[in-house]
Amino acid sequence: MFNLEILAVAIALGCDAFSVAIGVGTLGLTKRRIFRLSFHFGLFQFFMPLIGLLIGEITASLVGQASHWVAAGLLALIGINMLRQSFKGEDDAPVKVDPTKGWSLVLLSISTSIDALVVGFSIGLMGVPVLSACIIIGTAAALMTIIGMLIGAGTAAALGKRAEALGGVILIILAIIFVIK
């Protein structure tokens, strides 16, 4: 039963990564983009529960209350930037921002894994092997990211130039959902 419970938690935590990956996938795929995003999302999902376990109950509960706002803000900023970039002409934006590089990648990784920070404390209380739980959580997030990017790329192929705008809108909608939940 332990593995099913941890797998359910991993899938629930991976849903944010999956949703964001759909938006990022609309920008186009390369093997490097897929690797960077799935690796970082998986890595952050792996480490955040460990950090949450170390931080402890008081800090985890404080972060837990603010996590939706922080995640929403980060997603909204990146989504607005994607939307803005989609309306610029080729001459206006010779270099597109790649959300799988630099600070955008770090911010996306943090925003999709903040909930895992809080879950880390809960995992410690359940008495389950933390390392194996973190491996399952990180692996699920990485796989869900790959699938999300592939879905986003398929959507992009169908929508053409409007795909980047759709990706930005998806991230903004996720930001709103984070605030509501």
N, C-alpha and C. Protein backbone atom coordinates (compact mmCIF):
# COMPACT_ATOMS: atom_id res chain seq x y z
N MET A 1 0.82 -1.20 0.00
CA MET A 1 0.00 0.00 0.00
C MET A 1 0.86 1.27 0.00
N PHE A 2 2.01 1.21 0.65
CA PHE A 2 2.89 2.37 0.73
C PHE A 2 3.22 2.91 -0.66
N ASN A 3 3.61 2.04 -1.57
CA ASN A 3 4.01 2.50 -2.90
C ASN A 3 2.87 3.16 -3.64
N LEU A 4 1.64 2.66 -3.48
CA LEU A 4 0.49 3.28 -4.14
C LEU A 4 0.20 4.66 -3.57
N GLU A 5 0.33 4.81 -2.26
CA GLU A 5 0.10 6.11 -1.64
C GLU A 5 1.15 7.12 -2.09
N ILE A 6 2.40 6.73 -2.10
CA ILE A 6 3.47 7.62 -2.53
C ILE A 6 3.32 7.93 -4.01
N LEU A 7 2.94 6.94 -4.80
CA LEU A 7 2.73 7.17 -6.23
C LEU A 7 1.59 8.17 -6.45
N ALA A 8 0.53 8.06 -5.67
CA ALA A 8 -0.58 9.01 -5.78
C ALA A 8 -0.12 10.42 -5.42
N VAL A 9 0.69 10.54 -4.37
CA VAL A 9 1.24 11.84 -3.99
C VAL A 9 2.13 12.37 -5.10
N ALA A 10 2.96 11.50 -5.67
CA ALA A 10 3.88 11.90 -6.74
C ALA A 10 3.12 12.40 -7.96
N ILE A 11 2.05 11.73 -8.32
CA ILE A 11 1.26 12.16 -9.47
C ILE A 11 0.57 13.49 -9.18
N ALA A 12 0.04 13.62 -7.97
CA ALA A 12 -0.60 14.89 -7.61
C ALA A 12 0.41 16.04 -7.66
N LEU A 13 1.60 15.81 -7.13
CA LEU A 13 2.64 16.86 -7.16
C LEU A 13 3.11 17.11 -8.59
N GLY A 14 3.15 16.09 -9.40
CA GLY A 14 3.61 16.22 -10.78
C GLY A 14 2.64 16.93 -11.71
N CYS A 15 1.40 17.11 -11.27
CA CYS A 15 0.40 17.77 -12.12
C CYS A 15 0.79 19.21 -12.45
N ASP A 16 1.38 19.90 -11.50
CA ASP A 16 1.84 21.27 -11.78
C ASP A 16 2.93 21.25 -12.86
N ALA A 17 3.88 20.34 -12.72
CA ALA A 17 4.96 20.23 -13.71
C ALA A 17 4.39 19.87 -15.08
N PHE A 18 3.43 18.97 -15.11
CA PHE A 18 2.79 18.54 -16.35
C PHE A 18 2.11 19.73 -17.04
N SER A 19 1.34 20.48 -16.28
CA SER A 19 0.61 21.62 -16.84
C SER A 19 1.55 22.69 -17.37
N VAL A 20 2.57 23.00 -16.61
CA VAL A 20 3.55 24.01 -17.05
C VAL A 20 4.29 23.51 -18.29
N ALA A 21 4.61 22.22 -18.31
CA ALA A 21 5.32 21.64 -19.45
C ALA A 21 4.51 21.74 -20.74
N ILE A 22 3.20 21.66 -20.64
CA ILE A 22 2.37 21.83 -21.83
C ILE A 22 2.58 23.23 -22.40
N GLY A 23 2.54 24.22 -21.52
CA GLY A 23 2.77 25.60 -21.96
C GLY A 23 4.14 25.80 -22.56
N VAL A 24 5.16 25.26 -21.92
CA VAL A 24 6.53 25.40 -22.43
C VAL A 24 6.70 24.62 -23.74
N GLY A 25 6.05 23.49 -23.84
CA GLY A 25 6.14 22.68 -25.05
C GLY A 25 5.62 23.37 -26.29
N THR A 26 4.74 24.34 -26.11
CA THR A 26 4.20 25.07 -27.26
C THR A 26 5.26 25.92 -27.95
N LEU A 27 6.38 26.15 -27.26
CA LEU A 27 7.45 26.96 -27.84
C LEU A 27 8.33 26.16 -28.79
N GLY A 28 8.11 24.87 -28.83
CA GLY A 28 8.91 24.00 -29.69
C GLY A 28 9.81 23.11 -28.86
N LEU A 29 10.12 21.95 -29.43
CA LEU A 29 10.90 20.98 -28.69
C LEU A 29 12.26 20.74 -29.33
N THR A 30 13.22 20.58 -28.47
CA THR A 30 14.52 20.02 -28.85
C THR A 30 14.84 19.01 -27.75
N LYS A 31 15.75 18.13 -28.03
CA LYS A 31 16.14 17.16 -27.00
C LYS A 31 16.70 17.87 -25.77
N ARG A 32 17.42 18.95 -26.01
CA ARG A 32 17.99 19.70 -24.88
C ARG A 32 16.90 20.34 -24.02
N ARG A 33 15.90 20.94 -24.66
CA ARG A 33 14.81 21.55 -23.89
C ARG A 33 14.07 20.51 -23.06
N ILE A 34 13.77 19.39 -23.69
CA ILE A 34 13.07 18.32 -22.98
C ILE A 34 13.90 17.86 -21.79
N PHE A 35 15.20 17.64 -22.04
CA PHE A 35 16.07 17.18 -20.95
C PHE A 35 16.16 18.22 -19.84
N ARG A 36 16.42 19.48 -20.20
CA ARG A 36 16.59 20.51 -19.18
C ARG A 36 15.36 20.65 -18.30
N LEU A 37 14.20 20.75 -18.93
CA LEU A 37 12.99 20.98 -18.15
C LEU A 37 12.64 19.75 -17.31
N SER A 38 12.65 18.57 -17.92
CA SER A 38 12.28 17.37 -17.16
C SER A 38 13.30 17.07 -16.07
N PHE A 39 14.58 17.27 -16.35
CA PHE A 39 15.61 17.04 -15.34
C PHE A 39 15.44 17.98 -14.15
N HIS A 40 15.26 19.26 -14.44
CA HIS A 40 15.16 20.24 -13.35
C HIS A 40 13.86 20.09 -12.57
N PHE A 41 12.74 19.86 -13.28
CA PHE A 41 11.49 19.65 -12.56
C PHE A 41 11.60 18.41 -11.67
N GLY A 42 12.16 17.33 -12.20
CA GLY A 42 12.34 16.11 -11.41
C GLY A 42 13.28 16.33 -10.24
N LEU A 43 14.38 17.05 -10.49
CA LEU A 43 15.36 17.32 -9.44
C LEU A 43 14.76 18.16 -8.31
N PHE A 44 14.05 19.21 -8.68
CA PHE A 44 13.44 20.06 -7.65
C PHE A 44 12.37 19.28 -6.88
N GLN A 45 11.58 18.45 -7.58
CA GLN A 45 10.56 17.65 -6.90
C GLN A 45 11.22 16.61 -5.98
N PHE A 46 12.41 16.16 -6.34
CA PHE A 46 13.14 15.22 -5.49
C PHE A 46 13.65 15.91 -4.22
N PHE A 47 14.26 17.09 -4.39
CA PHE A 47 14.90 17.75 -3.25
C PHE A 47 13.93 18.51 -2.35
N MET A 48 12.86 19.03 -2.88
CA MET A 48 11.96 19.85 -2.05
C MET A 48 11.37 19.08 -0.87
N PRO A 49 10.93 17.82 -1.03
CA PRO A 49 10.46 17.11 0.16
C PRO A 49 11.56 16.92 1.20
N LEU A 50 12.78 16.69 0.75
CA LEU A 50 13.90 16.55 1.68
C LEU A 50 14.13 17.85 2.45
N ILE A 51 14.07 18.95 1.73
CA ILE A 51 14.23 20.26 2.37
C ILE A 51 13.09 20.51 3.33
N GLY A 52 11.87 20.18 2.91
CA GLY A 52 10.71 20.35 3.78
C GLY A 52 10.83 19.55 5.06
N LEU A 53 11.36 18.35 4.94
CA LEU A 53 11.57 17.51 6.11
C LEU A 53 12.59 18.15 7.06
N LEU A 54 13.63 18.73 6.48
CA LEU A 54 14.66 19.36 7.30
C LEU A 54 14.19 20.67 7.94
N ILE A 55 13.42 21.41 7.22
CA ILE A 55 12.97 22.72 7.72
C ILE A 55 12.09 22.56 8.95
N GLY A 56 11.18 21.60 8.91
CA GLY A 56 10.35 21.34 10.07
C GLY A 56 8.95 21.90 9.97
N GLU A 57 8.19 21.61 10.97
CA GLU A 57 6.76 21.90 10.98
C GLU A 57 6.43 23.39 10.90
N ILE A 58 7.06 24.21 11.67
CA ILE A 58 6.70 25.63 11.73
C ILE A 58 6.94 26.30 10.37
N THR A 59 8.12 26.13 9.85
CA THR A 59 8.45 26.77 8.57
C THR A 59 7.62 26.18 7.45
N ALA A 60 7.42 24.86 7.46
CA ALA A 60 6.65 24.22 6.41
C ALA A 60 5.21 24.74 6.39
N SER A 61 4.65 24.96 7.57
CA SER A 61 3.28 25.47 7.59
C SER A 61 3.23 26.92 7.09
N LEU A 62 4.25 27.71 7.39
CA LEU A 62 4.29 29.08 6.88
C LEU A 62 4.43 29.09 5.36
N VAL A 63 5.34 28.27 4.85
CA VAL A 63 5.53 28.18 3.40
C VAL A 63 4.26 27.62 2.75
N GLY A 64 3.64 26.67 3.43
CA GLY A 64 2.42 26.06 2.89
C GLY A 64 1.33 27.08 2.65
N GLN A 65 1.19 28.04 3.53
CA GLN A 65 0.16 29.05 3.36
C GLN A 65 0.52 30.03 2.25
N ALA A 66 1.78 30.28 2.04
CA ALA A 66 2.21 31.23 1.02
C ALA A 66 2.53 30.56 -0.31
N SER A 67 2.61 29.24 -0.34
CA SER A 67 3.08 28.54 -1.54
C SER A 67 2.23 28.84 -2.76
N HIS A 68 0.93 28.91 -2.61
CA HIS A 68 0.07 29.18 -3.76
C HIS A 68 0.33 30.57 -4.32
N TRP A 69 0.57 31.54 -3.45
CA TRP A 69 0.82 32.90 -3.90
C TRP A 69 2.17 33.01 -4.61
N VAL A 70 3.18 32.38 -4.04
CA VAL A 70 4.51 32.42 -4.65
C VAL A 70 4.48 31.73 -6.01
N ALA A 71 3.92 30.53 -6.05
CA ALA A 71 3.84 29.79 -7.31
C ALA A 71 3.03 30.56 -8.34
N ALA A 72 1.92 31.14 -7.92
CA ALA A 72 1.07 31.91 -8.84
C ALA A 72 1.83 33.10 -9.42
N GLY A 73 2.54 33.81 -8.56
CA GLY A 73 3.29 34.97 -9.03
C GLY A 73 4.36 34.60 -10.04
N LEU A 74 5.10 33.54 -9.77
CA LEU A 74 6.15 33.10 -10.69
C LEU A 74 5.57 32.66 -12.03
N LEU A 75 4.51 31.86 -11.98
CA LEU A 75 3.89 31.39 -13.23
C LEU A 75 3.30 32.55 -14.02
N ALA A 76 2.66 33.49 -13.32
CA ALA A 76 2.07 34.63 -14.01
C ALA A 76 3.13 35.46 -14.71
N LEU A 77 4.24 35.70 -14.04
CA LEU A 77 5.32 36.49 -14.66
C LEU A 77 5.84 35.83 -15.93
N ILE A 78 6.08 34.55 -15.88
CA ILE A 78 6.59 33.85 -17.05
C ILE A 78 5.52 33.77 -18.13
N GLY A 79 4.26 33.53 -17.73
CA GLY A 79 3.16 33.48 -18.70
C GLY A 79 2.95 34.82 -19.40
N ILE A 80 3.01 35.90 -18.65
CA ILE A 80 2.85 37.24 -19.23
C ILE A 80 3.99 37.52 -20.21
N ASN A 81 5.20 37.12 -19.83
CA ASN A 81 6.35 37.32 -20.73
C ASN A 81 6.17 36.51 -22.02
N MET A 82 5.70 35.28 -21.91
CA MET A 82 5.46 34.47 -23.11
C MET A 82 4.38 35.10 -23.98
N LEU A 83 3.32 35.58 -23.35
CA LEU A 83 2.23 36.22 -24.09
C LEU A 83 2.72 37.48 -24.79
N ARG A 84 3.50 38.28 -24.07
CA ARG A 84 4.07 39.50 -24.65
C ARG A 84 4.96 39.18 -25.84
N GLN A 85 5.81 38.16 -25.69
CA GLN A 85 6.70 37.77 -26.77
C GLN A 85 5.93 37.28 -27.99
N SER A 86 4.78 36.64 -27.77
CA SER A 86 4.02 36.10 -28.89
C SER A 86 3.42 37.19 -29.77
N PHE A 87 3.22 38.37 -29.20
CA PHE A 87 2.63 39.47 -29.98
C PHE A 87 3.67 40.36 -30.63
N LYS A 88 4.93 40.14 -30.33
CA LYS A 88 5.99 40.90 -30.98
C LYS A 88 6.25 40.31 -32.35
N GLY A 89 6.59 41.17 -33.27
CA GLY A 89 6.95 40.70 -34.60
C GLY A 89 8.35 40.13 -34.59
N GLU A 90 8.73 39.47 -35.65
CA GLU A 90 10.07 38.90 -35.75
C GLU A 90 11.15 39.97 -35.59
N ASP A 91 10.90 41.18 -36.13
CA ASP A 91 11.89 42.25 -36.02
C ASP A 91 12.00 42.79 -34.60
N ASP A 92 10.87 42.76 -33.87
CA ASP A 92 10.87 43.27 -32.51
C ASP A 92 11.57 42.34 -31.53
N ALA A 93 11.54 41.05 -31.79
CA ALA A 93 12.08 40.07 -30.84
C ALA A 93 13.01 39.09 -31.56
N PRO A 94 14.21 39.55 -31.91
CA PRO A 94 15.12 38.66 -32.60
C PRO A 94 15.57 37.48 -31.75
N VAL A 95 15.62 37.65 -30.43
CA VAL A 95 16.02 36.57 -29.56
C VAL A 95 14.87 36.27 -28.60
N LYS A 96 14.32 35.06 -28.69
CA LYS A 96 13.24 34.67 -27.79
C LYS A 96 13.82 34.18 -26.48
N VAL A 97 13.08 34.42 -25.42
CA VAL A 97 13.48 33.90 -24.12
C VAL A 97 13.13 32.42 -24.09
N ASP A 98 14.08 31.60 -23.73
CA ASP A 98 13.86 30.16 -23.62
C ASP A 98 13.59 29.84 -22.16
N PRO A 99 12.36 29.43 -21.82
CA PRO A 99 12.04 29.16 -20.42
C PRO A 99 12.74 27.92 -19.86
N THR A 100 13.50 27.21 -20.69
CA THR A 100 14.24 26.06 -20.19
C THR A 100 15.69 26.41 -19.90
N LYS A 101 15.98 27.71 -19.82
CA LYS A 101 17.34 28.16 -19.51
C LYS A 101 17.30 29.24 -18.43
N GLY A 102 18.40 29.36 -17.73
CA GLY A 102 18.61 30.47 -16.81
C GLY A 102 17.58 30.59 -15.70
N TRP A 103 17.30 31.86 -15.38
CA TRP A 103 16.39 32.15 -14.26
C TRP A 103 14.97 31.70 -14.53
N SER A 104 14.54 31.71 -15.79
CA SER A 104 13.20 31.22 -16.09
C SER A 104 13.07 29.75 -15.69
N LEU A 105 14.09 28.97 -15.97
CA LEU A 105 14.08 27.55 -15.60
C LEU A 105 14.05 27.38 -14.09
N VAL A 106 14.85 28.16 -13.40
CA VAL A 106 14.88 28.07 -11.94
C VAL A 106 13.52 28.47 -11.35
N LEU A 107 12.95 29.57 -11.84
CA LEU A 107 11.65 30.03 -11.32
C LEU A 107 10.55 29.02 -11.61
N LEU A 108 10.54 28.45 -12.82
CA LEU A 108 9.54 27.43 -13.14
C LEU A 108 9.72 26.21 -12.24
N SER A 109 10.96 25.81 -12.03
CA SER A 109 11.24 24.64 -11.18
C SER A 109 10.77 24.88 -9.75
N ILE A 110 11.02 26.06 -9.24
CA ILE A 110 10.58 26.39 -7.89
C ILE A 110 9.06 26.44 -7.82
N SER A 111 8.44 27.10 -8.79
CA SER A 111 6.99 27.28 -8.73
C SER A 111 6.24 25.95 -8.83
N THR A 112 6.81 24.99 -9.53
CA THR A 112 6.12 23.70 -9.65
C THR A 112 6.45 22.74 -8.51
N SER A 113 7.38 23.12 -7.64
CA SER A 113 7.77 22.19 -6.58
C SER A 113 7.57 22.72 -5.16
N ILE A 114 6.97 23.88 -5.02
CA ILE A 114 6.77 24.44 -3.69
C ILE A 114 5.88 23.53 -2.84
N ASP A 115 4.85 22.95 -3.44
CA ASP A 115 3.98 22.05 -2.69
C ASP A 115 4.75 20.84 -2.16
N ALA A 116 5.76 20.40 -2.91
CA ALA A 116 6.56 19.26 -2.48
C ALA A 116 7.35 19.58 -1.21
N LEU A 117 7.66 20.84 -1.01
CA LEU A 117 8.36 21.27 0.20
C LEU A 117 7.50 20.95 1.42
N VAL A 118 6.24 21.28 1.34
CA VAL A 118 5.32 21.05 2.45
C VAL A 118 5.06 19.55 2.62
N VAL A 119 4.97 18.84 1.50
CA VAL A 119 4.73 17.40 1.56
C VAL A 119 5.89 16.69 2.27
N GLY A 120 7.09 17.24 2.15
CA GLY A 120 8.25 16.62 2.79
C GLY A 120 8.08 16.42 4.27
N PHE A 121 7.49 17.38 4.93
CA PHE A 121 7.28 17.23 6.36
C PHE A 121 6.27 16.11 6.63
N SER A 122 5.23 16.05 5.83
CA SER A 122 4.21 15.01 5.99
C SER A 122 4.80 13.62 5.77
N ILE A 123 5.67 13.50 4.78
CA ILE A 123 6.28 12.21 4.51
C ILE A 123 7.09 11.74 5.72
N GLY A 124 7.77 12.67 6.35
CA GLY A 124 8.52 12.33 7.55
C GLY A 124 7.63 11.83 8.67
N LEU A 125 6.46 12.41 8.81
CA LEU A 125 5.52 11.99 9.85
C LEU A 125 4.90 10.63 9.57
N MET A 126 4.79 10.27 8.29
CA MET A 126 4.17 8.99 7.92
C MET A 126 5.08 7.81 8.21
N GLY A 127 6.35 8.09 8.46
CA GLY A 127 7.27 7.01 8.78
C GLY A 127 7.69 6.19 7.57
N VAL A 128 7.58 6.76 6.38
CA VAL A 128 7.99 6.04 5.17
C VAL A 128 9.45 6.36 4.86
N PRO A 129 10.10 5.49 4.12
CA PRO A 129 11.48 5.79 3.73
C PRO A 129 11.51 7.03 2.84
N VAL A 130 12.05 8.09 3.34
CA VAL A 130 12.00 9.38 2.68
C VAL A 130 12.74 9.37 1.34
N LEU A 131 13.89 8.76 1.29
CA LEU A 131 14.68 8.75 0.06
C LEU A 131 13.93 8.07 -1.08
N SER A 132 13.34 6.91 -0.81
CA SER A 132 12.60 6.22 -1.88
C SER A 132 11.37 7.02 -2.29
N ALA A 133 10.71 7.67 -1.34
CA ALA A 133 9.56 8.50 -1.68
C ALA A 133 9.98 9.66 -2.57
N CYS A 134 11.11 10.28 -2.25
CA CYS A 134 11.61 11.39 -3.06
C CYS A 134 12.00 10.95 -4.47
N ILE A 135 12.56 9.76 -4.59
CA ILE A 135 12.90 9.23 -5.91
C ILE A 135 11.64 9.03 -6.74
N ILE A 136 10.61 8.48 -6.13
CA ILE A 136 9.34 8.28 -6.85
C ILE A 136 8.74 9.62 -7.25
N ILE A 137 8.73 10.58 -6.35
CA ILE A 137 8.17 11.91 -6.63
C ILE A 137 8.94 12.60 -7.75
N GLY A 138 10.26 12.58 -7.69
CA GLY A 138 11.08 13.22 -8.71
C GLY A 138 10.95 12.55 -10.07
N THR A 139 10.92 11.24 -10.09
CA THR A 139 10.79 10.50 -11.35
C THR A 139 9.42 10.77 -11.99
N ALA A 140 8.38 10.75 -11.18
CA ALA A 140 7.03 11.02 -11.71
C ALA A 140 6.97 12.43 -12.30
N ALA A 141 7.55 13.40 -11.63
CA ALA A 141 7.54 14.78 -12.15
C ALA A 141 8.30 14.87 -13.47
N ALA A 142 9.44 14.20 -13.56
CA ALA A 142 10.23 14.24 -14.79
C ALA A 142 9.45 13.60 -15.95
N LEU A 143 8.85 12.45 -15.71
CA LEU A 143 8.08 11.77 -16.77
C LEU A 143 6.85 12.58 -17.18
N MET A 144 6.17 13.16 -16.20
CA MET A 144 4.99 13.97 -16.51
C MET A 144 5.38 15.24 -17.27
N THR A 145 6.57 15.75 -17.01
CA THR A 145 7.07 16.92 -17.74
C THR A 145 7.31 16.57 -19.20
N ILE A 146 7.92 15.44 -19.45
CA ILE A 146 8.16 15.00 -20.83
C ILE A 146 6.85 14.84 -21.58
N ILE A 147 5.89 14.19 -20.96
CA ILE A 147 4.59 13.98 -21.59
C ILE A 147 3.91 15.33 -21.85
N GLY A 148 3.96 16.23 -20.88
CA GLY A 148 3.36 17.56 -21.05
C GLY A 148 3.99 18.33 -22.19
N MET A 149 5.32 18.27 -22.28
CA MET A 149 6.00 18.98 -23.37
C MET A 149 5.61 18.42 -24.73
N LEU A 150 5.47 17.11 -24.82
CA LEU A 150 5.06 16.49 -26.09
C LEU A 150 3.64 16.91 -26.47
N ILE A 151 2.76 16.98 -25.49
CA ILE A 151 1.39 17.43 -25.75
C ILE A 151 1.41 18.90 -26.19
N GLY A 152 2.20 19.72 -25.51
CA GLY A 152 2.30 21.13 -25.88
C GLY A 152 2.84 21.31 -27.28
N ALA A 153 3.83 20.52 -27.65
CA ALA A 153 4.40 20.62 -29.00
C ALA A 153 3.38 20.20 -30.05
N GLY A 154 2.59 19.19 -29.74
CA GLY A 154 1.53 18.77 -30.67
C GLY A 154 0.50 19.87 -30.86
N THR A 155 0.17 20.54 -29.78
CA THR A 155 -0.74 21.67 -29.85
C THR A 155 -0.13 22.79 -30.68
N ALA A 156 1.16 23.02 -30.49
CA ALA A 156 1.86 24.08 -31.23
C ALA A 156 1.85 23.79 -32.73
N ALA A 157 2.03 22.54 -33.09
CA ALA A 157 2.03 22.19 -34.51
C ALA A 157 0.67 22.51 -35.13
N ALA A 158 -0.38 22.31 -34.36
CA ALA A 158 -1.72 22.57 -34.88
C ALA A 158 -2.05 24.06 -34.90
N LEU A 159 -1.49 24.83 -33.98
CA LEU A 159 -1.84 26.25 -33.85
C LEU A 159 -0.85 27.20 -34.54
N GLY A 160 0.31 26.71 -34.87
CA GLY A 160 1.30 27.56 -35.53
C GLY A 160 1.79 28.65 -34.60
N LYS A 161 1.83 29.91 -35.10
CA LYS A 161 2.41 31.03 -34.33
C LYS A 161 1.61 31.36 -33.08
N ARG A 162 0.35 31.00 -33.02
CA ARG A 162 -0.46 31.32 -31.85
C ARG A 162 -0.15 30.41 -30.66
N ALA A 163 0.69 29.40 -30.86
CA ALA A 163 0.99 28.44 -29.80
C ALA A 163 1.68 29.09 -28.61
N GLU A 164 2.60 30.02 -28.85
CA GLU A 164 3.29 30.68 -27.74
C GLU A 164 2.31 31.48 -26.90
N ALA A 165 1.36 32.13 -27.55
CA ALA A 165 0.33 32.87 -26.81
C ALA A 165 -0.50 31.90 -25.97
N LEU A 166 -0.83 30.74 -26.55
CA LEU A 166 -1.58 29.74 -25.80
C LEU A 166 -0.78 29.28 -24.58
N GLY A 167 0.53 29.04 -24.77
CA GLY A 167 1.37 28.64 -23.65
C GLY A 167 1.37 29.68 -22.55
N GLY A 168 1.47 30.95 -22.92
CA GLY A 168 1.42 32.02 -21.93
C GLY A 168 0.10 32.07 -21.21
N VAL A 169 -0.99 31.91 -21.95
CA VAL A 169 -2.32 31.91 -21.35
C VAL A 169 -2.47 30.73 -20.39
N ILE A 170 -1.95 29.56 -20.76
CA ILE A 170 -2.02 28.39 -19.88
C ILE A 170 -1.31 28.68 -18.56
N LEU A 171 -0.14 29.29 -18.62
CA LEU A 171 0.59 29.59 -17.39
C LEU A 171 -0.14 30.63 -16.54
N ILE A 172 -0.75 31.61 -17.18
CA ILE A 172 -1.51 32.62 -16.43
C ILE A 172 -2.74 31.97 -15.78
N ILE A 173 -3.42 31.09 -16.49
CA ILE A 173 -4.57 30.38 -15.92
C ILE A 173 -4.13 29.53 -14.73
N LEU A 174 -2.99 28.86 -14.88
CA LEU A 174 -2.47 28.07 -13.74
C LEU A 174 -2.18 28.98 -12.55
N ALA A 175 -1.65 30.16 -12.81
CA ALA A 175 -1.38 31.10 -11.73
C ALA A 175 -2.67 31.46 -11.00
N ILE A 176 -3.73 31.69 -11.75
CA ILE A 176 -5.03 32.02 -11.15
C ILE A 176 -5.55 30.83 -10.34
N ILE A 177 -5.40 29.64 -10.89
CA ILE A 177 -5.85 28.43 -10.16
C ILE A 177 -5.06 28.27 -8.87
N PHE A 178 -3.75 28.55 -8.89
CA PHE A 178 -2.95 28.44 -7.68
C PHE A 178 -3.47 29.38 -6.60
N VAL A 179 -3.91 30.57 -7.00
CA VAL A 179 -4.42 31.53 -6.03
C VAL A 179 -5.76 31.06 -5.48
N ILE A 180 -6.58 30.45 -6.31
CA ILE A 180 -7.91 30.00 -5.90
C ILE A 180 -7.85 28.80 -4.98
N LYS A 181 -6.90 27.86 -5.25
CA LYS A 181 -6.91 26.62 -4.47
C LYS A 181 -6.35 26.74 -3.11
